[in-house]
Amino acid sequence: MKQNVYDYSFELRRSRKKSITAALTVTIILIILLTLVCNLVLFPVFIRSDSMGPDISKNSCVFVSPLFRSPKRGDLVYLSRLDDEKQPVTLAVLNKIVAFFTFQQIEPFGYTDRLTGQPTVRRVMALPGDTIYMKDYMLYVKPQGNNLYLSEFEMAEKEYSIQIYAVPVEWDGLGSKGNFEPMTLGEDEYYVLADNRIEALDSRLWGTVPGDRIKGKVVLEYFPFKKFQMF
């Protein structure tokens, strides 16, 4: 029996509708899975500055796991923005999706050049109850209940490198301070530092960081590929 052209057109439209519905369903499922993974397991972060060099250089990409919220000394952590501004959930999800598919190069919503408006990666150097002081950009730590100060490298559980270099005379008074008197961290207070001790901003300017600002631990640097490393 010869198929009527109208029947064929109807079948074609129905087939196309099924294909579109299937594609939309798969897309929605992928978005939901991506959102769950990024919020609960692992999410990528683009490093925009040299603040954590030489271990993590500018324009690197790292993976952060929100499963780790109780850092140890020396851990690299991802801190939420410090200006208390909240991004709508819809825009936050769209931001993560666009950033994921553009390899962290594009974040269309909510990006700001304000220093306190940017999430950032820093190294945890002191824990609640620690007493600390800094001399010549080196941190010294006395854990609660101990009598002796030890250098940050003696206290940290992992190896890392820091940048300390002489600055031009005309820089006098600029940059982050390299010395401060002993201070004791309170309950739920963490002291974070950048590995670039001269130019970068950290707890020396912001003050101590509460635990709820720590959104995860940096576990892997995956780009550039030649610097692939786990933390």
N, C-alpha and C. Protein backbone atom coordinates (compact mmCIF):
# COMPACT_ATOMS: atom_id res chain seq x y z
N MET A 1 0.85 -1.20 0.00
CA MET A 1 0.00 0.00 0.00
C MET A 1 0.88 1.24 0.00
N LYS A 2 0.60 2.12 -0.88
CA LYS A 2 1.39 3.34 -1.02
C LYS A 2 1.11 4.28 0.15
N GLN A 3 2.24 4.79 0.78
CA GLN A 3 2.10 5.67 1.94
C GLN A 3 1.71 7.07 1.49
N ASN A 4 0.68 7.61 2.16
CA ASN A 4 0.24 8.96 1.86
C ASN A 4 1.29 9.97 2.31
N VAL A 5 1.50 11.02 1.52
CA VAL A 5 2.51 12.04 1.83
C VAL A 5 2.22 12.73 3.16
N TYR A 6 0.94 12.85 3.52
CA TYR A 6 0.59 13.47 4.80
C TYR A 6 0.95 12.57 5.97
N ASP A 7 0.74 11.25 5.75
CA ASP A 7 1.13 10.30 6.79
C ASP A 7 2.64 10.34 7.00
N TYR A 8 3.39 10.41 5.89
CA TYR A 8 4.85 10.46 5.97
C TYR A 8 5.30 11.72 6.70
N SER A 9 4.65 12.85 6.39
CA SER A 9 4.99 14.11 7.05
C SER A 9 4.70 14.02 8.55
N PHE A 10 3.59 13.38 8.91
CA PHE A 10 3.24 13.23 10.33
C PHE A 10 4.27 12.36 11.05
N GLU A 11 4.66 11.24 10.41
CA GLU A 11 5.65 10.36 11.01
C GLU A 11 6.99 11.07 11.18
N LEU A 12 7.35 11.89 10.19
CA LEU A 12 8.61 12.62 10.26
C LEU A 12 8.60 13.61 11.41
N ARG A 13 7.49 14.34 11.56
CA ARG A 13 7.38 15.31 12.65
C ARG A 13 7.42 14.61 14.01
N ARG A 14 6.73 13.46 14.10
CA ARG A 14 6.73 12.72 15.35
C ARG A 14 8.12 12.20 15.68
N SER A 15 8.84 11.73 14.67
CA SER A 15 10.20 11.25 14.88
C SER A 15 11.12 12.38 15.34
N ARG A 16 10.96 13.54 14.71
CA ARG A 16 11.78 14.69 15.10
C ARG A 16 11.45 15.13 16.53
N LYS A 17 10.17 15.08 16.87
CA LYS A 17 9.75 15.47 18.22
C LYS A 17 10.36 14.54 19.26
N LYS A 18 10.37 13.23 18.94
CA LYS A 18 10.97 12.25 19.85
C LYS A 18 12.46 12.51 20.02
N SER A 19 13.13 12.84 18.91
CA SER A 19 14.57 13.09 18.96
C SER A 19 14.88 14.32 19.80
N ILE A 20 14.08 15.38 19.61
CA ILE A 20 14.28 16.61 20.37
C ILE A 20 14.02 16.37 21.85
N THR A 21 12.94 15.64 22.16
CA THR A 21 12.62 15.32 23.54
C THR A 21 13.72 14.51 24.20
N ALA A 22 14.25 13.54 23.47
CA ALA A 22 15.33 12.71 24.00
C ALA A 22 16.58 13.54 24.25
N ALA A 23 16.90 14.44 23.30
CA ALA A 23 18.09 15.28 23.45
C ALA A 23 17.95 16.21 24.65
N LEU A 24 16.76 16.79 24.82
CA LEU A 24 16.52 17.68 25.96
C LEU A 24 16.61 16.92 27.28
N THR A 25 16.06 15.71 27.29
CA THR A 25 16.10 14.88 28.51
C THR A 25 17.54 14.56 28.89
N VAL A 26 18.33 14.15 27.90
CA VAL A 26 19.75 13.83 28.16
C VAL A 26 20.49 15.07 28.65
N THR A 27 20.21 16.22 28.03
CA THR A 27 20.87 17.47 28.43
C THR A 27 20.54 17.83 29.86
N ILE A 28 19.26 17.73 30.22
CA ILE A 28 18.83 18.05 31.59
C ILE A 28 19.48 17.11 32.60
N ILE A 29 19.53 15.81 32.26
CA ILE A 29 20.15 14.83 33.15
C ILE A 29 21.63 15.14 33.33
N LEU A 30 22.32 15.49 32.24
CA LEU A 30 23.74 15.82 32.32
C LEU A 30 23.97 17.06 33.18
N ILE A 31 23.10 18.07 33.02
CA ILE A 31 23.22 19.29 33.82
C ILE A 31 23.02 18.99 35.30
N ILE A 32 22.01 18.15 35.60
CA ILE A 32 21.76 17.78 37.00
C ILE A 32 22.94 17.01 37.58
N LEU A 33 23.47 16.03 36.81
CA LEU A 33 24.62 15.25 37.29
C LEU A 33 25.84 16.14 37.47
N LEU A 34 26.07 17.04 36.50
CA LEU A 34 27.22 17.95 36.59
C LEU A 34 27.10 18.84 37.82
N THR A 35 25.90 19.34 38.06
CA THR A 35 25.68 20.21 39.22
C THR A 35 25.93 19.46 40.52
N LEU A 36 25.43 18.21 40.59
CA LEU A 36 25.63 17.40 41.80
C LEU A 36 27.11 17.10 42.02
N VAL A 37 27.80 16.72 40.95
CA VAL A 37 29.23 16.40 41.07
C VAL A 37 30.01 17.64 41.51
N CYS A 38 29.71 18.79 40.88
CA CYS A 38 30.45 20.01 41.18
C CYS A 38 30.20 20.50 42.60
N ASN A 39 29.05 20.19 43.14
CA ASN A 39 28.72 20.66 44.49
C ASN A 39 29.07 19.66 45.57
N LEU A 40 29.16 18.38 45.22
CA LEU A 40 29.34 17.36 46.25
C LEU A 40 30.65 16.59 46.16
N VAL A 41 31.27 16.53 44.99
CA VAL A 41 32.42 15.64 44.83
C VAL A 41 33.68 16.38 44.38
N LEU A 42 33.61 17.04 43.24
CA LEU A 42 34.80 17.62 42.63
C LEU A 42 34.39 18.74 41.68
N PHE A 43 35.13 19.86 41.73
CA PHE A 43 34.86 20.91 40.75
C PHE A 43 36.16 21.59 40.36
N PRO A 44 36.24 22.08 39.11
CA PRO A 44 37.48 22.71 38.63
C PRO A 44 37.53 24.19 39.00
N VAL A 45 38.75 24.70 39.19
CA VAL A 45 38.97 26.12 39.50
C VAL A 45 40.11 26.63 38.65
N PHE A 46 39.92 27.80 38.06
CA PHE A 46 40.94 28.44 37.25
C PHE A 46 41.73 29.41 38.11
N ILE A 47 43.04 29.29 38.12
CA ILE A 47 43.92 30.15 38.92
C ILE A 47 44.30 31.37 38.09
N ARG A 48 43.86 32.55 38.53
CA ARG A 48 44.01 33.75 37.73
C ARG A 48 45.27 34.57 38.04
N SER A 49 46.01 34.21 39.08
CA SER A 49 47.15 35.03 39.47
C SER A 49 48.34 34.16 39.84
N ASP A 50 49.47 34.82 40.13
CA ASP A 50 50.69 34.13 40.55
C ASP A 50 50.79 34.02 42.06
N SER A 51 49.69 34.23 42.76
CA SER A 51 49.75 34.26 44.23
C SER A 51 50.19 32.95 44.84
N MET A 52 49.96 31.82 44.15
CA MET A 52 50.33 30.52 44.71
C MET A 52 51.53 29.91 43.99
N GLY A 53 52.26 30.74 43.25
CA GLY A 53 53.48 30.26 42.61
C GLY A 53 54.59 30.11 43.63
N PRO A 54 55.56 29.23 43.39
CA PRO A 54 55.78 28.51 42.14
C PRO A 54 55.02 27.20 42.00
N ASP A 55 54.40 26.70 43.07
CA ASP A 55 53.74 25.39 42.99
C ASP A 55 52.57 25.41 42.02
N ILE A 56 51.76 26.47 42.06
CA ILE A 56 50.64 26.61 41.13
C ILE A 56 50.78 27.96 40.43
N SER A 57 51.03 27.94 39.16
CA SER A 57 51.29 29.17 38.43
C SER A 57 50.01 29.79 37.87
N LYS A 58 50.13 31.02 37.42
CA LYS A 58 49.00 31.73 36.82
C LYS A 58 48.48 30.96 35.61
N ASN A 59 47.16 30.98 35.42
CA ASN A 59 46.47 30.32 34.30
C ASN A 59 46.49 28.79 34.42
N SER A 60 46.73 28.29 35.61
CA SER A 60 46.62 26.85 35.84
C SER A 60 45.18 26.49 36.18
N CYS A 61 44.86 25.21 36.06
CA CYS A 61 43.54 24.71 36.44
C CYS A 61 43.72 23.59 37.47
N VAL A 62 42.93 23.66 38.51
CA VAL A 62 43.01 22.65 39.57
C VAL A 62 41.62 22.09 39.86
N PHE A 63 41.61 20.91 40.46
CA PHE A 63 40.36 20.33 40.94
C PHE A 63 40.29 20.50 42.45
N VAL A 64 39.10 20.90 42.92
CA VAL A 64 38.86 21.08 44.34
C VAL A 64 37.77 20.10 44.77
N SER A 65 37.98 19.46 45.90
CA SER A 65 36.97 18.55 46.44
C SER A 65 36.31 19.17 47.67
N PRO A 66 34.99 19.37 47.64
CA PRO A 66 34.28 19.89 48.81
C PRO A 66 34.10 18.84 49.91
N LEU A 67 34.58 17.62 49.67
CA LEU A 67 34.46 16.56 50.68
C LEU A 67 35.38 16.81 51.86
N PHE A 68 36.44 17.63 51.63
CA PHE A 68 37.42 17.90 52.68
C PHE A 68 37.20 19.30 53.22
N ARG A 69 36.64 19.43 54.41
CA ARG A 69 36.35 20.73 55.01
C ARG A 69 37.15 20.98 56.29
N SER A 70 37.94 19.99 56.74
CA SER A 70 38.75 20.15 57.95
C SER A 70 40.21 20.08 57.54
N PRO A 71 40.81 21.21 57.20
CA PRO A 71 42.16 21.21 56.63
C PRO A 71 43.24 20.95 57.67
N LYS A 72 44.39 20.49 57.16
CA LYS A 72 45.59 20.33 57.97
C LYS A 72 46.57 21.44 57.60
N ARG A 73 47.57 21.64 58.44
CA ARG A 73 48.57 22.66 58.14
C ARG A 73 49.28 22.32 56.83
N GLY A 74 49.35 23.29 55.95
CA GLY A 74 49.99 23.09 54.65
C GLY A 74 49.03 22.76 53.53
N ASP A 75 47.78 22.46 53.84
CA ASP A 75 46.80 22.14 52.79
C ASP A 75 46.45 23.37 51.97
N LEU A 76 46.24 23.15 50.68
CA LEU A 76 45.71 24.19 49.81
C LEU A 76 44.19 24.12 49.86
N VAL A 77 43.54 25.25 50.12
CA VAL A 77 42.09 25.25 50.25
C VAL A 77 41.49 26.33 49.34
N TYR A 78 40.24 26.10 49.01
CA TYR A 78 39.47 27.04 48.18
C TYR A 78 38.55 27.84 49.10
N LEU A 79 38.72 29.15 49.09
CA LEU A 79 37.96 30.03 49.98
C LEU A 79 36.87 30.75 49.20
N SER A 80 35.70 30.86 49.79
CA SER A 80 34.62 31.62 49.17
C SER A 80 34.93 33.10 49.22
N ARG A 81 34.22 33.89 48.44
CA ARG A 81 34.44 35.33 48.41
C ARG A 81 34.21 35.93 49.80
N LEU A 82 34.95 36.98 50.10
CA LEU A 82 34.96 37.53 51.44
C LEU A 82 34.06 38.74 51.62
N ASP A 83 33.36 39.16 50.57
CA ASP A 83 32.54 40.37 50.69
C ASP A 83 31.09 40.07 51.07
N ASP A 84 30.79 38.79 51.31
CA ASP A 84 29.46 38.36 51.78
C ASP A 84 28.36 38.51 50.74
N GLU A 85 28.66 38.89 49.52
CA GLU A 85 27.63 38.97 48.48
C GLU A 85 27.29 37.56 48.01
N LYS A 86 25.99 37.31 47.86
CA LYS A 86 25.52 36.00 47.44
C LYS A 86 25.03 36.05 46.00
N GLN A 87 25.40 35.05 45.23
CA GLN A 87 24.95 34.96 43.85
C GLN A 87 23.70 34.09 43.78
N PRO A 88 22.68 34.50 43.01
CA PRO A 88 21.49 33.67 42.88
C PRO A 88 21.85 32.25 42.43
N VAL A 89 21.12 31.27 42.92
CA VAL A 89 21.43 29.87 42.64
C VAL A 89 21.46 29.60 41.14
N THR A 90 20.49 30.15 40.41
CA THR A 90 20.42 29.92 38.96
C THR A 90 21.68 30.40 38.27
N LEU A 91 22.12 31.62 38.60
CA LEU A 91 23.32 32.17 37.97
C LEU A 91 24.56 31.40 38.40
N ALA A 92 24.59 30.95 39.65
CA ALA A 92 25.73 30.18 40.12
C ALA A 92 25.86 28.86 39.36
N VAL A 93 24.72 28.19 39.11
CA VAL A 93 24.73 26.94 38.36
C VAL A 93 25.15 27.18 36.91
N LEU A 94 24.59 28.22 36.29
CA LEU A 94 24.96 28.55 34.91
C LEU A 94 26.44 28.89 34.81
N ASN A 95 26.94 29.60 35.81
CA ASN A 95 28.36 29.96 35.83
C ASN A 95 29.24 28.71 35.82
N LYS A 96 28.87 27.73 36.65
CA LYS A 96 29.66 26.51 36.73
C LYS A 96 29.60 25.72 35.44
N ILE A 97 28.42 25.69 34.81
CA ILE A 97 28.26 24.94 33.56
C ILE A 97 29.10 25.57 32.45
N VAL A 98 28.99 26.89 32.30
CA VAL A 98 29.76 27.59 31.26
C VAL A 98 31.25 27.45 31.53
N ALA A 99 31.66 27.62 32.79
CA ALA A 99 33.07 27.50 33.14
C ALA A 99 33.59 26.10 32.86
N PHE A 100 32.77 25.09 33.13
CA PHE A 100 33.18 23.70 32.90
C PHE A 100 33.46 23.44 31.42
N PHE A 101 32.55 23.89 30.56
CA PHE A 101 32.68 23.61 29.14
C PHE A 101 33.64 24.55 28.42
N THR A 102 34.12 25.58 29.10
CA THR A 102 35.12 26.48 28.50
C THR A 102 36.47 26.35 29.21
N PHE A 103 36.65 25.23 29.93
CA PHE A 103 37.89 24.97 30.64
C PHE A 103 38.25 26.11 31.58
N GLN A 104 37.25 26.63 32.28
CA GLN A 104 37.40 27.66 33.31
C GLN A 104 37.82 29.02 32.76
N GLN A 105 37.73 29.21 31.45
CA GLN A 105 38.15 30.47 30.87
C GLN A 105 37.06 31.54 30.91
N ILE A 106 35.81 31.13 30.97
CA ILE A 106 34.70 32.08 30.92
C ILE A 106 33.75 31.84 32.09
N GLU A 107 33.50 32.89 32.86
CA GLU A 107 32.48 32.88 33.91
C GLU A 107 31.61 34.11 33.67
N PRO A 108 30.50 33.93 32.95
CA PRO A 108 29.74 35.09 32.49
C PRO A 108 28.99 35.86 33.56
N PHE A 109 28.75 35.27 34.71
CA PHE A 109 27.92 35.93 35.72
C PHE A 109 28.68 36.12 37.03
N GLY A 110 28.66 37.33 37.52
CA GLY A 110 29.14 37.58 38.87
C GLY A 110 30.62 37.78 39.04
N TYR A 111 31.42 37.70 37.95
CA TYR A 111 32.86 37.90 38.13
C TYR A 111 33.15 39.36 38.41
N THR A 112 34.05 39.61 39.35
CA THR A 112 34.41 40.97 39.70
C THR A 112 35.91 41.07 39.90
N ASP A 113 36.46 42.25 39.66
CA ASP A 113 37.89 42.47 39.89
C ASP A 113 38.18 42.86 41.33
N ARG A 114 37.13 43.03 42.14
CA ARG A 114 37.35 43.39 43.55
C ARG A 114 38.03 42.22 44.26
N LEU A 115 39.07 42.55 45.03
CA LEU A 115 39.88 41.52 45.66
C LEU A 115 39.08 40.67 46.63
N THR A 116 38.13 41.29 47.32
CA THR A 116 37.33 40.53 48.29
C THR A 116 36.13 39.86 47.64
N GLY A 117 35.92 40.11 46.34
CA GLY A 117 34.78 39.54 45.66
C GLY A 117 35.10 38.30 44.86
N GLN A 118 36.33 37.81 44.99
CA GLN A 118 36.75 36.66 44.21
C GLN A 118 37.05 35.46 45.12
N PRO A 119 36.48 34.31 44.82
CA PRO A 119 36.93 33.09 45.50
C PRO A 119 38.42 32.90 45.21
N THR A 120 39.14 32.28 46.11
CA THR A 120 40.59 32.19 45.91
C THR A 120 41.15 30.94 46.56
N VAL A 121 42.35 30.59 46.13
CA VAL A 121 43.06 29.44 46.71
C VAL A 121 44.20 29.98 47.59
N ARG A 122 44.28 29.47 48.82
CA ARG A 122 45.35 29.84 49.73
C ARG A 122 45.77 28.61 50.53
N ARG A 123 46.91 28.73 51.22
CA ARG A 123 47.44 27.61 51.98
C ARG A 123 47.15 27.81 53.47
N VAL A 124 46.58 26.79 54.12
CA VAL A 124 46.31 26.87 55.56
C VAL A 124 47.62 26.70 56.31
N MET A 125 47.95 27.70 57.13
CA MET A 125 49.22 27.68 57.85
C MET A 125 49.05 27.50 59.35
N ALA A 126 47.89 27.85 59.89
CA ALA A 126 47.68 27.70 61.33
C ALA A 126 46.23 27.35 61.59
N LEU A 127 46.02 26.56 62.65
CA LEU A 127 44.71 26.03 63.00
C LEU A 127 44.19 26.70 64.27
N PRO A 128 42.90 26.53 64.57
CA PRO A 128 42.35 27.11 65.80
C PRO A 128 43.18 26.74 67.04
N GLY A 129 43.48 27.76 67.86
CA GLY A 129 44.25 27.52 69.08
C GLY A 129 45.74 27.73 68.92
N ASP A 130 46.24 27.77 67.67
CA ASP A 130 47.67 27.99 67.43
C ASP A 130 48.06 29.42 67.80
N THR A 131 49.29 29.60 68.25
CA THR A 131 49.88 30.93 68.42
C THR A 131 50.94 31.09 67.34
N ILE A 132 50.93 32.21 66.65
CA ILE A 132 51.82 32.39 65.50
C ILE A 132 52.47 33.76 65.52
N TYR A 133 53.60 33.85 64.85
CA TYR A 133 54.19 35.15 64.55
C TYR A 133 54.96 35.01 63.24
N MET A 134 55.28 36.13 62.60
CA MET A 134 56.00 36.10 61.33
C MET A 134 57.27 36.94 61.44
N LYS A 135 58.35 36.40 60.87
CA LYS A 135 59.61 37.11 60.81
C LYS A 135 60.22 36.89 59.43
N ASP A 136 60.50 37.98 58.74
CA ASP A 136 61.08 37.93 57.40
C ASP A 136 60.26 37.02 56.47
N TYR A 137 58.95 37.16 56.54
CA TYR A 137 57.99 36.44 55.69
C TYR A 137 57.88 34.95 56.02
N MET A 138 58.57 34.49 57.04
CA MET A 138 58.45 33.09 57.46
C MET A 138 57.55 33.03 58.69
N LEU A 139 56.59 32.10 58.66
CA LEU A 139 55.66 31.95 59.77
C LEU A 139 56.20 30.94 60.78
N TYR A 140 56.01 31.26 62.05
CA TYR A 140 56.39 30.35 63.13
C TYR A 140 55.13 30.02 63.94
N VAL A 141 54.99 28.75 64.27
CA VAL A 141 53.74 28.24 64.85
C VAL A 141 54.01 27.51 66.16
N LYS A 142 53.18 27.82 67.17
CA LYS A 142 53.20 27.08 68.43
C LYS A 142 51.79 26.53 68.64
N PRO A 143 51.60 25.23 68.44
CA PRO A 143 50.27 24.64 68.61
C PRO A 143 49.80 24.77 70.06
N GLN A 144 48.51 24.75 70.23
CA GLN A 144 47.93 24.85 71.56
C GLN A 144 48.45 23.73 72.47
N GLY A 145 48.94 24.11 73.65
CA GLY A 145 49.47 23.12 74.59
C GLY A 145 50.96 22.89 74.46
N ASN A 146 51.59 23.42 73.42
CA ASN A 146 53.04 23.29 73.24
C ASN A 146 53.76 24.52 73.78
N ASN A 147 55.04 24.37 74.04
CA ASN A 147 55.83 25.47 74.58
C ASN A 147 56.80 26.07 73.56
N LEU A 148 57.03 25.36 72.45
CA LEU A 148 58.02 25.80 71.48
C LEU A 148 57.39 26.18 70.15
N TYR A 149 57.96 27.21 69.53
CA TYR A 149 57.58 27.58 68.18
C TYR A 149 58.42 26.76 67.19
N LEU A 150 57.78 26.34 66.12
CA LEU A 150 58.46 25.68 65.02
C LEU A 150 58.15 26.43 63.74
N SER A 151 59.04 26.35 62.77
CA SER A 151 58.81 27.03 61.50
C SER A 151 57.65 26.36 60.76
N GLU A 152 57.06 27.09 59.85
CA GLU A 152 55.92 26.56 59.09
C GLU A 152 56.27 25.28 58.35
N PHE A 153 57.51 25.16 57.88
CA PHE A 153 57.91 23.96 57.14
C PHE A 153 58.03 22.75 58.06
N GLU A 154 58.40 22.99 59.30
CA GLU A 154 58.48 21.90 60.28
C GLU A 154 57.08 21.44 60.70
N MET A 155 56.12 22.37 60.67
CA MET A 155 54.76 22.06 61.10
C MET A 155 53.90 21.45 60.00
N ALA A 156 54.16 21.85 58.76
CA ALA A 156 53.31 21.40 57.65
C ALA A 156 53.50 19.91 57.39
N GLU A 157 52.42 19.24 57.01
CA GLU A 157 52.47 17.81 56.75
C GLU A 157 52.86 17.50 55.31
N LYS A 158 52.93 18.56 54.47
CA LYS A 158 53.29 18.37 53.07
C LYS A 158 54.34 19.40 52.66
N GLU A 159 55.17 19.03 51.69
CA GLU A 159 56.19 19.94 51.21
C GLU A 159 55.58 20.97 50.26
N TYR A 160 56.13 22.16 50.27
CA TYR A 160 55.70 23.21 49.36
C TYR A 160 56.81 24.25 49.26
N SER A 161 56.68 25.15 48.32
CA SER A 161 57.68 26.20 48.11
C SER A 161 57.02 27.56 48.27
N ILE A 162 57.79 28.55 48.72
CA ILE A 162 57.28 29.91 48.81
C ILE A 162 58.20 30.86 48.06
N GLN A 163 57.65 32.00 47.67
CA GLN A 163 58.42 33.02 46.98
C GLN A 163 58.72 34.16 47.94
N ILE A 164 60.00 34.38 48.21
CA ILE A 164 60.45 35.52 49.00
C ILE A 164 61.62 36.13 48.24
N TYR A 165 61.53 37.39 47.91
CA TYR A 165 62.60 38.04 47.14
C TYR A 165 62.70 39.50 47.54
N ALA A 166 63.84 40.07 47.26
CA ALA A 166 64.06 41.48 47.58
C ALA A 166 63.21 42.35 46.66
N VAL A 167 62.67 43.43 47.22
CA VAL A 167 61.84 44.34 46.44
C VAL A 167 62.57 45.66 46.24
N PRO A 168 62.23 46.40 45.17
CA PRO A 168 62.88 47.69 44.93
C PRO A 168 62.63 48.67 46.08
N VAL A 169 63.54 49.61 46.25
CA VAL A 169 63.42 50.58 47.33
C VAL A 169 62.12 51.36 47.22
N GLU A 170 61.72 51.68 45.99
CA GLU A 170 60.51 52.47 45.81
C GLU A 170 59.24 51.73 46.23
N TRP A 171 59.35 50.43 46.53
CA TRP A 171 58.21 49.66 46.99
C TRP A 171 58.00 49.79 48.49
N ASP A 172 58.84 50.56 49.17
CA ASP A 172 58.77 50.68 50.62
C ASP A 172 57.34 51.02 51.06
N GLY A 173 56.79 50.20 51.93
CA GLY A 173 55.43 50.43 52.41
C GLY A 173 54.37 49.74 51.60
N LEU A 174 54.76 49.14 50.46
CA LEU A 174 53.80 48.44 49.61
C LEU A 174 53.91 46.93 49.83
N GLY A 175 52.93 46.21 49.33
CA GLY A 175 52.96 44.76 49.46
C GLY A 175 52.52 44.30 50.85
N SER A 176 52.53 42.99 51.05
CA SER A 176 52.09 42.41 52.32
C SER A 176 53.23 42.44 53.32
N LYS A 177 52.89 42.63 54.59
CA LYS A 177 53.92 42.74 55.63
C LYS A 177 54.63 41.41 55.84
N GLY A 178 55.91 41.50 56.20
CA GLY A 178 56.72 40.31 56.40
C GLY A 178 57.00 40.00 57.84
N ASN A 179 56.49 40.84 58.76
CA ASN A 179 56.72 40.63 60.19
C ASN A 179 55.46 41.01 60.96
N PHE A 180 55.13 40.23 62.00
CA PHE A 180 54.11 40.66 62.94
C PHE A 180 54.32 39.93 64.27
N GLU A 181 53.79 40.52 65.32
CA GLU A 181 53.97 40.01 66.68
C GLU A 181 53.08 38.78 66.93
N PRO A 182 53.38 38.02 67.97
CA PRO A 182 52.59 36.81 68.25
C PRO A 182 51.10 37.10 68.43
N MET A 183 50.29 36.21 67.91
CA MET A 183 48.84 36.28 68.04
C MET A 183 48.32 34.86 68.17
N THR A 184 47.20 34.70 68.87
CA THR A 184 46.62 33.38 69.08
C THR A 184 45.28 33.29 68.35
N LEU A 185 45.10 32.21 67.60
CA LEU A 185 43.86 32.02 66.85
C LEU A 185 42.76 31.52 67.77
N GLY A 186 41.57 32.03 67.57
CA GLY A 186 40.43 31.62 68.36
C GLY A 186 39.77 30.37 67.80
N GLU A 187 38.64 30.03 68.37
CA GLU A 187 37.88 28.87 67.93
C GLU A 187 37.38 29.08 66.51
N ASP A 188 37.55 28.08 65.66
CA ASP A 188 37.10 28.12 64.26
C ASP A 188 37.79 29.23 63.47
N GLU A 189 39.02 29.55 63.82
CA GLU A 189 39.79 30.54 63.07
C GLU A 189 41.00 29.87 62.42
N TYR A 190 41.19 30.15 61.13
CA TYR A 190 42.32 29.60 60.38
C TYR A 190 43.14 30.75 59.82
N TYR A 191 44.45 30.54 59.75
CA TYR A 191 45.33 31.56 59.18
C TYR A 191 45.84 31.02 57.85
N VAL A 192 45.56 31.76 56.78
CA VAL A 192 45.94 31.31 55.44
C VAL A 192 46.93 32.29 54.83
N LEU A 193 47.86 31.75 54.06
CA LEU A 193 48.86 32.57 53.40
C LEU A 193 48.99 32.17 51.94
N ALA A 194 49.42 33.14 51.13
CA ALA A 194 49.78 32.85 49.75
C ALA A 194 51.23 32.37 49.72
N ASP A 195 51.58 31.58 48.73
CA ASP A 195 52.97 31.15 48.60
C ASP A 195 53.85 32.29 48.10
N ASN A 196 53.28 33.22 47.36
CA ASN A 196 53.99 34.44 46.98
C ASN A 196 53.83 35.42 48.14
N ARG A 197 54.80 35.45 49.03
CA ARG A 197 54.67 36.20 50.27
C ARG A 197 54.83 37.71 50.09
N ILE A 198 55.37 38.13 48.96
CA ILE A 198 55.64 39.55 48.77
C ILE A 198 54.44 40.31 48.23
N GLU A 199 53.83 39.80 47.18
CA GLU A 199 52.81 40.57 46.45
C GLU A 199 51.38 40.15 46.76
N ALA A 200 51.16 38.90 47.11
CA ALA A 200 49.78 38.40 47.22
C ALA A 200 49.13 38.82 48.53
N LEU A 201 47.80 38.79 48.54
CA LEU A 201 47.02 39.13 49.73
C LEU A 201 46.51 37.86 50.40
N ASP A 202 46.44 37.92 51.72
CA ASP A 202 46.01 36.75 52.49
C ASP A 202 45.60 37.19 53.89
N SER A 203 45.74 36.33 54.88
CA SER A 203 45.29 36.66 56.23
C SER A 203 46.04 37.84 56.85
N ARG A 204 47.18 38.19 56.29
CA ARG A 204 47.89 39.36 56.79
C ARG A 204 47.08 40.62 56.55
N LEU A 205 46.23 40.60 55.53
CA LEU A 205 45.34 41.72 55.23
C LEU A 205 43.91 41.43 55.68
N TRP A 206 43.42 40.22 55.38
CA TRP A 206 42.02 39.89 55.66
C TRP A 206 41.77 39.57 57.12
N GLY A 207 42.80 39.11 57.82
CA GLY A 207 42.60 38.56 59.16
C GLY A 207 42.35 37.07 59.07
N THR A 208 42.03 36.45 60.18
CA THR A 208 41.78 35.01 60.18
C THR A 208 40.53 34.68 59.38
N VAL A 209 40.46 33.45 58.92
CA VAL A 209 39.36 33.00 58.07
C VAL A 209 38.51 31.99 58.85
N PRO A 210 37.20 32.19 58.97
CA PRO A 210 36.35 31.20 59.65
C PRO A 210 36.19 29.94 58.81
N GLY A 211 35.92 28.85 59.49
CA GLY A 211 35.84 27.57 58.82
C GLY A 211 34.81 27.49 57.71
N ASP A 212 33.71 28.26 57.83
CA ASP A 212 32.67 28.17 56.81
C ASP A 212 33.07 28.82 55.49
N ARG A 213 34.20 29.53 55.48
CA ARG A 213 34.72 30.10 54.23
C ARG A 213 35.50 29.07 53.41
N ILE A 214 35.89 27.99 54.06
CA ILE A 214 36.65 26.95 53.37
C ILE A 214 35.68 26.02 52.67
N LYS A 215 35.69 26.06 51.36
CA LYS A 215 34.72 25.31 50.56
C LYS A 215 35.27 24.01 49.98
N GLY A 216 36.52 23.74 50.24
CA GLY A 216 37.08 22.50 49.74
C GLY A 216 38.59 22.54 49.72
N LYS A 217 39.16 21.40 49.41
CA LYS A 217 40.61 21.24 49.38
C LYS A 217 41.07 21.01 47.94
N VAL A 218 42.16 21.66 47.55
CA VAL A 218 42.74 21.43 46.22
C VAL A 218 43.41 20.07 46.24
N VAL A 219 42.98 19.19 45.32
CA VAL A 219 43.51 17.82 45.31
C VAL A 219 44.36 17.50 44.09
N LEU A 220 44.20 18.32 43.02
CA LEU A 220 44.89 17.96 41.77
C LEU A 220 45.06 19.19 40.89
N GLU A 221 46.23 19.34 40.32
CA GLU A 221 46.45 20.33 39.25
C GLU A 221 46.51 19.56 37.94
N TYR A 222 45.61 19.86 37.01
CA TYR A 222 45.52 19.08 35.77
C TYR A 222 45.89 19.86 34.52
N PHE A 223 46.10 21.17 34.64
CA PHE A 223 46.53 21.97 33.49
C PHE A 223 47.40 23.10 33.98
N PRO A 224 48.53 23.38 33.32
CA PRO A 224 49.04 22.71 32.11
C PRO A 224 49.45 21.27 32.39
N PHE A 225 49.34 20.43 31.35
CA PHE A 225 49.54 19.00 31.53
C PHE A 225 50.94 18.65 32.03
N LYS A 226 51.93 19.45 31.67
CA LYS A 226 53.30 19.15 32.09
C LYS A 226 53.48 19.35 33.60
N LYS A 227 52.54 20.06 34.23
CA LYS A 227 52.64 20.27 35.68
C LYS A 227 51.63 19.43 36.44
N PHE A 228 51.10 18.41 35.79
CA PHE A 228 50.11 17.54 36.44
C PHE A 228 50.66 17.04 37.77
N GLN A 229 49.91 17.30 38.85
CA GLN A 229 50.36 16.86 40.17
C GLN A 229 49.20 16.77 41.13
N MET A 230 49.36 15.93 42.14
CA MET A 230 48.35 15.78 43.18
C MET A 230 48.85 16.44 44.45
N PHE A 231 47.89 16.90 45.27
CA PHE A 231 48.25 17.58 46.52
C PHE A 231 47.70 16.79 47.72
